[in-house]
Amino acid sequence: MWSDKTVIRDLFNGAKNLLDEWILGVEKSLKAESLVNLKKVMPQILLQQTIPCLPPPDITSGSHTGQSEQEFSFGSAVTYKCDQGFSLIGEASIHCTTKDNVNGEWSGPAPECEAITCSPPPNIANGMHNGSNVEIFVCNTSVTYKCVHNFSLIGEASIHCTTKDNISGVWNGSVPECKDQCVLPRRRRRDTNGKEVPYKCGDGPGKNPEPGFDTRIGIPGIGSNIAIAITVAAITIAIAIVTGIVAGLNKKWKKKKGSYGVNLDSPKYHIAPEDDLQMSETKSNLIIKV
């Protein structure tokens, strides 16, 4: 009678043999099928390797990766790209294929390169640009701004059409502005430091943005009321000084006013105040009044 171990071993060996036979049969079947398939496709593969395609078409404002190749056969592929400032329209890559295993052809049409454009440049107040007569602004195009009379250009005068994604165009930089040129008015005699003085700019009347400017009677750093008071005081002092000088001269002149006597017998003329002259019968005296 068989022991349990013997039974188990015999069962295991039998199962293993069956498994090996099954695997071997599967392998033979797969190999046979693969060989059959290979025999079917090999002539086609070898034949396709000899099917040529014409050189891929060139495109305007672009190129492809097969520029240096001389021959293109079944399976060859090329990729297109556009020059700077142009956008690729269509499939970037095409490959050589065949429909009848005789003639080669490219899988699709070559793409196109389209110029990247910007929208018209913005207009500015009190100014203009030199692109007003241009309809299409392609990439790398530039326009230059200028201002009308009495206005100054603030910012860069020119802007350029460029691209960030090779698809759409944008204007680089900021658009300049035209600011009015304001000239301070003439100084008027009544204007004082700190007073707001109206003036006229390119876009109409306005007011002096500064706190004030010095005039003929203005004093730097001093308010208009104080400046007026100081000016009046200076004029008053000047008048007082002139009045005093005139009064002094008048008083001195009055002191010398009176009668004078002239002694004609004196070897020299002698003029003295009238009170100091002595009357004499032997001398001739002359009284002079001035």
C-alpha atoms as a PDB file:
ATOM      1  CA  MET A   1       0.000   0.000   0.000  1.00  0.00           C
ATOM      2  CA  TRP A   2       1.274   3.424  -0.897  1.00  0.00           C
ATOM      3  CA  SER A   3       2.226   5.821   1.723  1.00  0.00           C
ATOM      4  CA  ASP A   4       0.782   9.317   1.746  1.00  0.00           C
ATOM      5  CA  LYS A   5       4.129  10.874   0.751  1.00  0.00           C
ATOM      6  CA  THR A   6       4.458   8.605  -2.274  1.00  0.00           C
ATOM      7  CA  VAL A   7       0.976   9.486  -3.490  1.00  0.00           C
ATOM      8  CA  ILE A   8       1.582  13.198  -3.141  1.00  0.00           C
ATOM      9  CA  ARG A   9       4.919  12.986  -4.996  1.00  0.00           C
ATOM     10  CA  ASP A  10       3.463  10.997  -7.869  1.00  0.00           C
ATOM     11  CA  LEU A  11       0.561  13.419  -8.233  1.00  0.00           C
ATOM     12  CA  PHE A  12       2.923  16.390  -8.244  1.00  0.00           C
ATOM     13  CA  ASN A  13       5.189  14.857 -10.872  1.00  0.00           C
ATOM     14  CA  GLY A  14       2.233  14.026 -13.069  1.00  0.00           C
ATOM     15  CA  ALA A  15       0.860  17.530 -12.867  1.00  0.00           C
ATOM     16  CA  LYS A  16       4.277  18.979 -13.637  1.00  0.00           C
ATOM     17  CA  ASN A  17       4.637  16.843 -16.734  1.00  0.00           C
ATOM     18  CA  LEU A  18       1.229  17.900 -17.985  1.00  0.00           C
ATOM     19  CA  LEU A  19       2.093  21.569 -17.392  1.00  0.00           C
ATOM     20  CA  ASP A  20       5.374  21.275 -19.254  1.00  0.00           C
ATOM     21  CA  GLU A  21       3.690  19.640 -22.219  1.00  0.00           C
ATOM     22  CA  TRP A  22       1.034  22.370 -22.297  1.00  0.00           C
ATOM     23  CA  ILE A  23       3.636  25.136 -22.202  1.00  0.00           C
ATOM     24  CA  LEU A  24       5.669  23.476 -24.947  1.00  0.00           C
ATOM     25  CA  GLY A  25       2.587  23.191 -27.126  1.00  0.00           C
ATOM     26  CA  VAL A  26       1.728  26.832 -26.625  1.00  0.00           C
ATOM     27  CA  GLU A  27       5.277  27.902 -27.512  1.00  0.00           C
ATOM     28  CA  LYS A  28       5.242  25.840 -30.685  1.00  0.00           C
ATOM     29  CA  SER A  29       1.904  27.299 -31.672  1.00  0.00           C
ATOM     30  CA  LEU A  30       3.034  30.890 -31.045  1.00  0.00           C
ATOM     31  CA  LYS A  31       6.287  30.408 -32.907  1.00  0.00           C
ATOM     32  CA  ALA A  32       4.520  28.912 -35.870  1.00  0.00           C
ATOM     33  CA  GLU A  33       1.997  31.763 -35.962  1.00  0.00           C
ATOM     34  CA  SER A  34       4.735  34.364 -35.619  1.00  0.00           C
ATOM     35  CA  LEU A  35       6.720  32.839 -38.431  1.00  0.00           C
ATOM     36  CA  VAL A  36       3.672  32.782 -40.649  1.00  0.00           C
ATOM     37  CA  ASN A  37       2.931  36.424 -39.905  1.00  0.00           C
ATOM     38  CA  LEU A  38       6.562  37.414 -40.395  1.00  0.00           C
ATOM     39  CA  LYS A  39       6.624  35.708 -43.777  1.00  0.00           C
ATOM     40  CA  LYS A  40       3.553  37.716 -44.730  1.00  0.00           C
ATOM     41  CA  VAL A  41       4.794  41.166 -43.636  1.00  0.00           C
ATOM     42  CA  MET A  42       8.493  40.880 -44.435  1.00  0.00           C
ATOM     43  CA  PRO A  43       8.136  41.384 -48.185  1.00  0.00           C
ATOM     44  CA  GLN A  44       5.972  44.398 -47.526  1.00  0.00           C
ATOM     45  CA  ILE A  45       8.504  45.876 -45.084  1.00  0.00           C
ATOM     46  CA  LEU A  46      11.382  45.290 -47.463  1.00  0.00           C
ATOM     47  CA  LEU A  47       9.363  46.718 -50.324  1.00  0.00           C
ATOM     48  CA  GLN A  48       8.364  49.831 -48.402  1.00  0.00           C
ATOM     49  CA  GLN A  49      11.981  50.591 -47.584  1.00  0.00           C
ATOM     50  CA  THR A  50      12.543  51.186 -51.272  1.00  0.00           C
ATOM     51  CA  ILE A  51       9.483  53.417 -51.873  1.00  0.00           C
ATOM     52  CA  PRO A  52      10.778  56.984 -52.289  1.00  0.00           C
ATOM     53  CA  CYS A  53       9.058  60.319 -51.658  1.00  0.00           C
ATOM     54  CA  LEU A  54       9.758  63.583 -53.361  1.00  0.00           C
ATOM     55  CA  PRO A  55      11.552  66.199 -51.213  1.00  0.00           C
ATOM     56  CA  PRO A  56       9.131  67.883 -48.816  1.00  0.00           C
ATOM     57  CA  PRO A  57       7.864  71.263 -50.025  1.00  0.00           C
ATOM     58  CA  ASP A  58       9.559  74.458 -48.831  1.00  0.00           C
ATOM     59  CA  ILE A  59       7.501  77.146 -47.135  1.00  0.00           C
ATOM     60  CA  THR A  60       7.749  80.935 -47.181  1.00  0.00           C
ATOM     61  CA  SER A  61       9.267  82.508 -44.045  1.00  0.00           C
ATOM     62  CA  GLY A  62      10.078  79.071 -42.621  1.00  0.00           C
ATOM     63  CA  SER A  63      12.169  75.886 -42.946  1.00  0.00           C
ATOM     64  CA  HIS A  64      12.096  72.127 -42.158  1.00  0.00           C
ATOM     65  CA  THR A  65      14.485  69.614 -40.588  1.00  0.00           C
ATOM     66  CA  GLY A  66      15.171  67.801 -43.874  1.00  0.00           C
ATOM     67  CA  GLN A  67      16.953  70.664 -45.602  1.00  0.00           C
ATOM     68  CA  SER A  68      20.271  68.762 -45.647  1.00  0.00           C
ATOM     69  CA  GLU A  69      18.798  65.379 -46.736  1.00  0.00           C
ATOM     70  CA  GLN A  70      19.076  64.161 -50.317  1.00  0.00           C
ATOM     71  CA  GLU A  71      16.620  61.232 -50.321  1.00  0.00           C
ATOM     72  CA  PHE A  72      13.333  60.626 -48.568  1.00  0.00           C
ATOM     73  CA  SER A  73      11.799  57.137 -48.400  1.00  0.00           C
ATOM     74  CA  PHE A  74       8.899  55.437 -46.726  1.00  0.00           C
ATOM     75  CA  GLY A  75       8.833  56.388 -43.010  1.00  0.00           C
ATOM     76  CA  SER A  76      10.944  59.540 -43.331  1.00  0.00           C
ATOM     77  CA  ALA A  77       9.561  62.523 -41.384  1.00  0.00           C
ATOM     78  CA  VAL A  78      10.321  66.261 -41.342  1.00  0.00           C
ATOM     79  CA  THR A  79       9.277  69.034 -38.957  1.00  0.00           C
ATOM     80  CA  TYR A  80       8.651  72.647 -39.962  1.00  0.00           C
ATOM     81  CA  LYS A  81       9.271  75.883 -38.072  1.00  0.00           C
ATOM     82  CA  CYS A  82       8.733  79.558 -38.905  1.00  0.00           C
ATOM     83  CA  ASP A  83      11.088  82.520 -38.876  1.00  0.00           C
ATOM     84  CA  GLN A  84      10.992  85.076 -36.080  1.00  0.00           C
ATOM     85  CA  GLY A  85       7.810  87.130 -36.246  1.00  0.00           C
ATOM     86  CA  PHE A  86       5.779  84.433 -38.010  1.00  0.00           C
ATOM     87  CA  SER A  87       3.303  81.909 -36.629  1.00  0.00           C
ATOM     88  CA  LEU A  88       2.982  78.262 -37.817  1.00  0.00           C
ATOM     89  CA  ILE A  89      -0.446  77.404 -39.235  1.00  0.00           C
ATOM     90  CA  GLY A  90      -1.169  73.667 -39.675  1.00  0.00           C
ATOM     91  CA  GLU A  91       0.587  70.422 -38.647  1.00  0.00           C
ATOM     92  CA  ALA A  92       4.253  70.962 -37.856  1.00  0.00           C
ATOM     93  CA  SER A  93       5.364  67.436 -38.999  1.00  0.00           C
ATOM     94  CA  ILE A  94       4.645  65.290 -42.064  1.00  0.00           C
ATOM     95  CA  HIS A  95       6.020  61.829 -43.030  1.00  0.00           C
ATOM     96  CA  CYS A  96       6.519  59.787 -46.190  1.00  0.00           C
ATOM     97  CA  THR A  97       3.894  57.070 -46.696  1.00  0.00           C
ATOM     98  CA  THR A  98       2.259  55.049 -49.495  1.00  0.00           C
ATOM     99  CA  LYS A  99      -1.186  53.929 -50.498  1.00  0.00           C
ATOM    100  CA  ASP A 100      -0.323  51.380 -53.195  1.00  0.00           C
ATOM    101  CA  ASN A 101       3.100  50.098 -52.018  1.00  0.00           C
ATOM    102  CA  VAL A 102       4.530  51.577 -55.180  1.00  0.00           C
ATOM    103  CA  ASN A 103       4.400  55.351 -55.005  1.00  0.00           C
ATOM    104  CA  GLY A 104       5.402  57.400 -51.979  1.00  0.00           C
ATOM    105  CA  GLU A 105       3.631  60.544 -50.838  1.00  0.00           C
ATOM    106  CA  TRP A 106       3.678  62.870 -47.860  1.00  0.00           C
ATOM    107  CA  SER A 107       1.068  62.336 -45.192  1.00  0.00           C
ATOM    108  CA  GLY A 108      -0.350  65.831 -45.475  1.00  0.00           C
ATOM    109  CA  PRO A 109       0.187  69.343 -46.817  1.00  0.00           C
ATOM    110  CA  ALA A 110       3.038  71.438 -45.510  1.00  0.00           C
ATOM    111  CA  PRO A 111       2.073  74.057 -42.915  1.00  0.00           C
ATOM    112  CA  GLU A 112       2.205  77.801 -43.591  1.00  0.00           C
ATOM    113  CA  CYS A 113       3.927  80.666 -41.806  1.00  0.00           C
ATOM    114  CA  GLU A 114       1.694  83.650 -41.177  1.00  0.00           C
ATOM    115  CA  ALA A 115       3.019  87.041 -40.103  1.00  0.00           C
ATOM    116  CA  ILE A 116       2.297  87.946 -36.489  1.00  0.00           C
ATOM    117  CA  THR A 117       0.484  91.287 -36.303  1.00  0.00           C
ATOM    118  CA  CYS A 118      -0.345  93.840 -33.625  1.00  0.00           C
ATOM    119  CA  SER A 119      -3.524  95.826 -33.224  1.00  0.00           C
ATOM    120  CA  PRO A 120      -3.287  99.490 -34.319  1.00  0.00           C
ATOM    121  CA  PRO A 121      -1.181 101.545 -31.881  1.00  0.00           C
ATOM    122  CA  PRO A 122      -3.199 103.666 -29.447  1.00  0.00           C
ATOM    123  CA  ASN A 123      -3.753 107.352 -30.108  1.00  0.00           C
ATOM    124  CA  ILE A 124      -2.696 109.957 -27.553  1.00  0.00           C
ATOM    125  CA  ALA A 125      -4.221 113.290 -26.576  1.00  0.00           C
ATOM    126  CA  ASN A 126      -2.538 116.340 -28.116  1.00  0.00           C
ATOM    127  CA  GLY A 127      -0.252 114.105 -30.179  1.00  0.00           C
ATOM    128  CA  MET A 128       0.006 111.711 -33.124  1.00  0.00           C
ATOM    129  CA  HIS A 129       2.103 108.826 -34.500  1.00  0.00           C
ATOM    130  CA  ASN A 130       3.556 108.114 -37.941  1.00  0.00           C
ATOM    131  CA  GLY A 131       1.505 104.942 -38.465  1.00  0.00           C
ATOM    132  CA  SER A 132      -1.844 106.573 -39.103  1.00  0.00           C
ATOM    133  CA  ASN A 133      -1.813 105.498 -42.775  1.00  0.00           C
ATOM    134  CA  VAL A 134      -0.685 101.898 -42.111  1.00  0.00           C
ATOM    135  CA  GLU A 135      -3.344  99.169 -42.181  1.00  0.00           C
ATOM    136  CA  ILE A 136      -1.365  96.147 -40.879  1.00  0.00           C
ATOM    137  CA  PHE A 137       1.330  96.301 -38.216  1.00  0.00           C
ATOM    138  CA  VAL A 138       3.484  93.175 -38.490  1.00  0.00           C
ATOM    139  CA  CYS A 139       5.954  91.993 -35.880  1.00  0.00           C
ATOM    140  CA  ASN A 140       9.115  94.170 -35.574  1.00  0.00           C
ATOM    141  CA  THR A 141       7.237  97.213 -36.888  1.00  0.00           C
ATOM    142  CA  SER A 142       7.708 100.440 -34.913  1.00  0.00           C
ATOM    143  CA  VAL A 143       5.793 103.719 -34.690  1.00  0.00           C
ATOM    144  CA  THR A 144       7.009 107.067 -33.378  1.00  0.00           C
ATOM    145  CA  TYR A 145       4.920 109.635 -31.514  1.00  0.00           C
ATOM    146  CA  LYS A 146       5.172 113.426 -31.457  1.00  0.00           C
ATOM    147  CA  CYS A 147       3.179 116.197 -29.780  1.00  0.00           C
ATOM    148  CA  VAL A 148       1.420 119.262 -31.130  1.00  0.00           C
ATOM    149  CA  HIS A 149       2.717 122.783 -30.530  1.00  0.00           C
ATOM    150  CA  ASN A 150       3.178 123.851 -26.885  1.00  0.00           C
ATOM    151  CA  PHE A 151       3.165 120.235 -25.646  1.00  0.00           C
ATOM    152  CA  SER A 152       6.124 118.110 -24.569  1.00  0.00           C
ATOM    153  CA  LEU A 153       6.494 114.343 -25.058  1.00  0.00           C
ATOM    154  CA  ILE A 154       6.807 112.408 -21.788  1.00  0.00           C
ATOM    155  CA  GLY A 155       8.160 108.849 -22.155  1.00  0.00           C
ATOM    156  CA  GLU A 156       9.748 106.870 -24.987  1.00  0.00           C
ATOM    157  CA  ALA A 157       8.890 108.300 -28.395  1.00  0.00           C
ATOM    158  CA  SER A 158       8.760 104.906 -30.190  1.00  0.00           C
ATOM    159  CA  ILE A 159       7.046 101.581 -29.467  1.00  0.00           C
ATOM    160  CA  HIS A 160       7.615  98.240 -31.267  1.00  0.00           C
ATOM    161  CA  CYS A 161       5.344  95.366 -32.260  1.00  0.00           C
ATOM    162  CA  THR A 162       6.688  92.142 -30.740  1.00  0.00           C
ATOM    163  CA  THR A 163       5.449  88.730 -29.576  1.00  0.00           C
ATOM    164  CA  LYS A 164       5.763  86.674 -26.413  1.00  0.00           C
ATOM    165  CA  ASP A 165       4.182  83.386 -27.546  1.00  0.00           C
ATOM    166  CA  ASN A 166       4.930  83.356 -31.320  1.00  0.00           C
ATOM    167  CA  ILE A 167       1.195  83.520 -31.915  1.00  0.00           C
ATOM    168  CA  SER A 168      -0.101  87.025 -31.195  1.00  0.00           C
ATOM    169  CA  GLY A 169       1.595  90.421 -31.291  1.00  0.00           C
ATOM    170  CA  VAL A 170       1.785  93.067 -28.559  1.00  0.00           C
ATOM    171  CA  TRP A 171       3.241  96.576 -28.367  1.00  0.00           C
ATOM    172  CA  ASN A 172       6.245  96.730 -26.088  1.00  0.00           C
ATOM    173  CA  GLY A 173       6.655  99.479 -23.510  1.00  0.00           C
ATOM    174  CA  SER A 174       4.247 102.200 -22.459  1.00  0.00           C
ATOM    175  CA  VAL A 175       2.654 104.720 -24.775  1.00  0.00           C
ATOM    176  CA  PRO A 176       4.074 108.244 -24.209  1.00  0.00           C
ATOM    177  CA  GLU A 177       2.002 111.259 -23.161  1.00  0.00           C
ATOM    178  CA  CYS A 178       1.881 114.870 -24.287  1.00  0.00           C
ATOM    179  CA  LYS A 179       2.033 117.381 -21.430  1.00  0.00           C
ATOM    180  CA  ASP A 180       1.438 121.102 -21.843  1.00  0.00           C
ATOM    181  CA  GLN A 181       4.340 123.538 -21.700  1.00  0.00           C
ATOM    182  CA  CYS A 182       3.457 126.224 -19.132  1.00  0.00           C
ATOM    183  CA  VAL A 183       5.430 129.472 -18.877  1.00  0.00           C
ATOM    184  CA  LEU A 184       5.125 131.681 -15.801  1.00  0.00           C
ATOM    185  CA  PRO A 185       3.551 135.088 -16.550  1.00  0.00           C
ATOM    186  CA  ARG A 186       5.377 138.380 -16.325  1.00  0.00           C
ATOM    187  CA  ARG A 187       5.872 139.810 -12.886  1.00  0.00           C
ATOM    188  CA  ARG A 188       3.364 142.486 -12.110  1.00  0.00           C
ATOM    189  CA  ARG A 189       4.004 145.322  -9.707  1.00  0.00           C
ATOM    190  CA  ARG A 190       1.039 144.373  -7.542  1.00  0.00           C
ATOM    191  CA  ASP A 191       2.011 140.703  -7.286  1.00  0.00           C
ATOM    192  CA  THR A 192       3.756 139.699  -4.081  1.00  0.00           C
ATOM    193  CA  ASN A 193       5.432 136.579  -2.821  1.00  0.00           C
ATOM    194  CA  GLY A 194       2.938 133.823  -2.010  1.00  0.00           C
ATOM    195  CA  LYS A 195       0.169 135.146  -4.217  1.00  0.00           C
ATOM    196  CA  GLU A 196      -1.430 132.818  -6.766  1.00  0.00           C
ATOM    197  CA  VAL A 197      -0.971 134.271 -10.219  1.00  0.00           C
ATOM    198  CA  PRO A 198      -3.130 133.003 -13.127  1.00  0.00           C
ATOM    199  CA  TYR A 199      -1.319 131.833 -16.216  1.00  0.00           C
ATOM    200  CA  LYS A 200      -2.240 130.202 -19.517  1.00  0.00           C
ATOM    201  CA  CYS A 201      -0.996 126.838 -20.806  1.00  0.00           C
ATOM    202  CA  GLY A 202      -1.488 124.895 -23.983  1.00  0.00           C
ATOM    203  CA  ASP A 203      -4.808 123.439 -22.857  1.00  0.00           C
ATOM    204  CA  GLY A 204      -6.321 126.611 -21.379  1.00  0.00           C
ATOM    205  CA  PRO A 205      -6.081 128.833 -18.311  1.00  0.00           C
ATOM    206  CA  GLY A 206      -4.728 127.580 -15.026  1.00  0.00           C
ATOM    207  CA  LYS A 207      -3.003 128.697 -11.857  1.00  0.00           C
ATOM    208  CA  ASN A 208       0.603 128.762 -10.874  1.00  0.00           C
ATOM    209  CA  PRO A 209       1.231 125.469  -9.034  1.00  0.00           C
ATOM    210  CA  GLU A 210       4.093 127.028  -7.088  1.00  0.00           C
ATOM    211  CA  PRO A 211       3.354 128.744  -3.750  1.00  0.00           C
ATOM    212  CA  GLY A 212       4.319 132.080  -5.281  1.00  0.00           C
ATOM    213  CA  PHE A 213       7.287 133.819  -6.816  1.00  0.00           C
ATOM    214  CA  ASP A 214       9.276 136.970  -6.000  1.00  0.00           C
ATOM    215  CA  THR A 215       8.184 140.177  -7.673  1.00  0.00           C
ATOM    216  CA  ARG A 216       9.688 143.640  -7.619  1.00  0.00           C
ATOM    217  CA  ILE A 217       8.249 144.277  -4.190  1.00  0.00           C
ATOM    218  CA  GLY A 218       8.201 140.664  -3.053  1.00  0.00           C
ATOM    219  CA  ILE A 219      10.556 139.313  -0.389  1.00  0.00           C
ATOM    220  CA  PRO A 220      11.653 135.650  -0.510  1.00  0.00           C
ATOM    221  CA  GLY A 221      10.202 133.581   2.288  1.00  0.00           C
ATOM    222  CA  ILE A 222       7.844 136.299   3.558  1.00  0.00           C
ATOM    223  CA  GLY A 223       4.094 136.448   3.137  1.00  0.00           C
ATOM    224  CA  SER A 224       2.464 139.086   0.979  1.00  0.00           C
ATOM    225  CA  ASN A 225       0.924 141.091   3.900  1.00  0.00           C
ATOM    226  CA  ILE A 226       4.239 141.327   5.746  1.00  0.00           C
ATOM    227  CA  ALA A 227       6.011 142.250   2.525  1.00  0.00           C
ATOM    228  CA  ILE A 228       3.572 145.105   1.935  1.00  0.00           C
ATOM    229  CA  ALA A 229       3.982 146.389   5.509  1.00  0.00           C
ATOM    230  CA  ILE A 230       7.776 146.348   5.242  1.00  0.00           C
ATOM    231  CA  THR A 231       7.645 148.111   1.893  1.00  0.00           C
ATOM    232  CA  VAL A 232       5.350 150.867   3.244  1.00  0.00           C
ATOM    233  CA  ALA A 233       7.588 151.329   6.294  1.00  0.00           C
ATOM    234  CA  ALA A 234      10.682 151.640   4.111  1.00  0.00           C
ATOM    235  CA  ILE A 235       9.008 154.269   1.953  1.00  0.00           C
ATOM    236  CA  THR A 236       7.869 156.220   5.060  1.00  0.00           C
ATOM    237  CA  ILE A 237      11.392 156.205   6.506  1.00  0.00           C
ATOM    238  CA  ALA A 238      12.838 157.386   3.201  1.00  0.00           C
ATOM    239  CA  ILE A 239      10.334 160.271   3.062  1.00  0.00           C
ATOM    240  CA  ALA A 240      11.146 161.246   6.661  1.00  0.00           C
ATOM    241  CA  ILE A 241      14.879 161.293   5.946  1.00  0.00           C
ATOM    242  CA  VAL A 242      14.435 163.480   2.879  1.00  0.00           C
ATOM    243  CA  THR A 243      12.098 165.834   4.795  1.00  0.00           C
ATOM    244  CA  GLY A 244      14.643 166.196   7.624  1.00  0.00           C
ATOM    245  CA  ILE A 245      17.458 167.037   5.239  1.00  0.00           C
ATOM    246  CA  VAL A 246      15.369 169.715   3.530  1.00  0.00           C
ATOM    247  CA  ALA A 247      14.307 171.240   6.882  1.00  0.00           C
ATOM    248  CA  GLY A 248      17.914 171.399   8.107  1.00  0.00           C
ATOM    249  CA  LEU A 249      19.117 173.173   5.019  1.00  0.00           C
ATOM    250  CA  ASN A 250      16.256 175.675   5.255  1.00  0.00           C
ATOM    251  CA  LYS A 251      17.001 176.435   8.915  1.00  0.00           C
ATOM    252  CA  LYS A 252      20.685 177.010   8.219  1.00  0.00           C
ATOM    253  CA  TRP A 253      19.833 179.400   5.440  1.00  0.00           C
ATOM    254  CA  LYS A 254      17.483 181.402   7.648  1.00  0.00           C
ATOM    255  CA  LYS A 255      20.235 181.943  10.234  1.00  0.00           C
ATOM    256  CA  LYS A 256      22.344 183.798   7.676  1.00  0.00           C
ATOM    257  CA  LYS A 257      19.469 185.987   6.511  1.00  0.00           C
ATOM    258  CA  GLY A 258      19.648 189.707   7.741  1.00  0.00           C
ATOM    259  CA  SER A 259      21.350 193.173   7.150  1.00  0.00           C
ATOM    260  CA  TYR A 260      25.067 193.536   6.575  1.00  0.00           C
ATOM    261  CA  GLY A 261      27.259 196.685   6.598  1.00  0.00           C
ATOM    262  CA  VAL A 262      30.187 197.411   4.331  1.00  0.00           C
ATOM    263  CA  ASN A 263      33.009 199.765   5.427  1.00  0.00           C
ATOM    264  CA  LEU A 264      34.158 201.376   2.230  1.00  0.00           C
ATOM    265  CA  ASP A 265      37.168 203.149   3.852  1.00  0.00           C
ATOM    266  CA  SER A 266      38.708 199.927   4.998  1.00  0.00           C
ATOM    267  CA  PRO A 267      41.657 198.788   2.950  1.00  0.00           C
ATOM    268  CA  LYS A 268      39.760 195.541   2.604  1.00  0.00           C
ATOM    269  CA  TYR A 269      36.109 195.106   2.388  1.00  0.00           C
ATOM    270  CA  HIS A 270      34.657 193.820   5.603  1.00  0.00           C
ATOM    271  CA  ILE A 271      31.189 192.408   5.869  1.00  0.00           C
ATOM    272  CA  ALA A 272      29.724 192.090   9.316  1.00  0.00           C
ATOM    273  CA  PRO A 273      26.278 191.818  10.801  1.00  0.00           C
ATOM    274  CA  GLU A 274      24.475 195.142  11.067  1.00  0.00           C
ATOM    275  CA  ASP A 275      24.467 195.182  14.893  1.00  0.00           C
ATOM    276  CA  ASP A 276      28.280 195.071  15.001  1.00  0.00           C
ATOM    277  CA  LEU A 277      28.817 198.165  12.823  1.00  0.00           C
ATOM    278  CA  GLN A 278      29.437 201.579  14.558  1.00  0.00           C
ATOM    279  CA  MET A 279      28.055 204.732  12.988  1.00  0.00           C
ATOM    280  CA  SER A 280      30.735 207.469  12.449  1.00  0.00           C
ATOM    281  CA  GLU A 281      30.617 210.938  10.957  1.00  0.00           C
ATOM    282  CA  THR A 282      34.078 210.616   9.380  1.00  0.00           C
ATOM    283  CA  LYS A 283      33.584 207.210   7.833  1.00  0.00           C
ATOM    284  CA  SER A 284      31.277 206.257   5.109  1.00  0.00           C
ATOM    285  CA  ASN A 285      29.149 203.251   5.854  1.00  0.00           C
ATOM    286  CA  LEU A 286      26.878 201.291   3.547  1.00  0.00           C
ATOM    287  CA  ILE A 287      24.076 199.136   4.797  1.00  0.00           C
ATOM    288  CA  ILE A 288      23.266 196.128   2.624  1.00  0.00           C
ATOM    289  CA  LYS A 289      20.257 193.931   3.185  1.00  0.00           C
ATOM    290  CA  VAL A 290      20.055 190.528   1.836  1.00  0.00           C
END
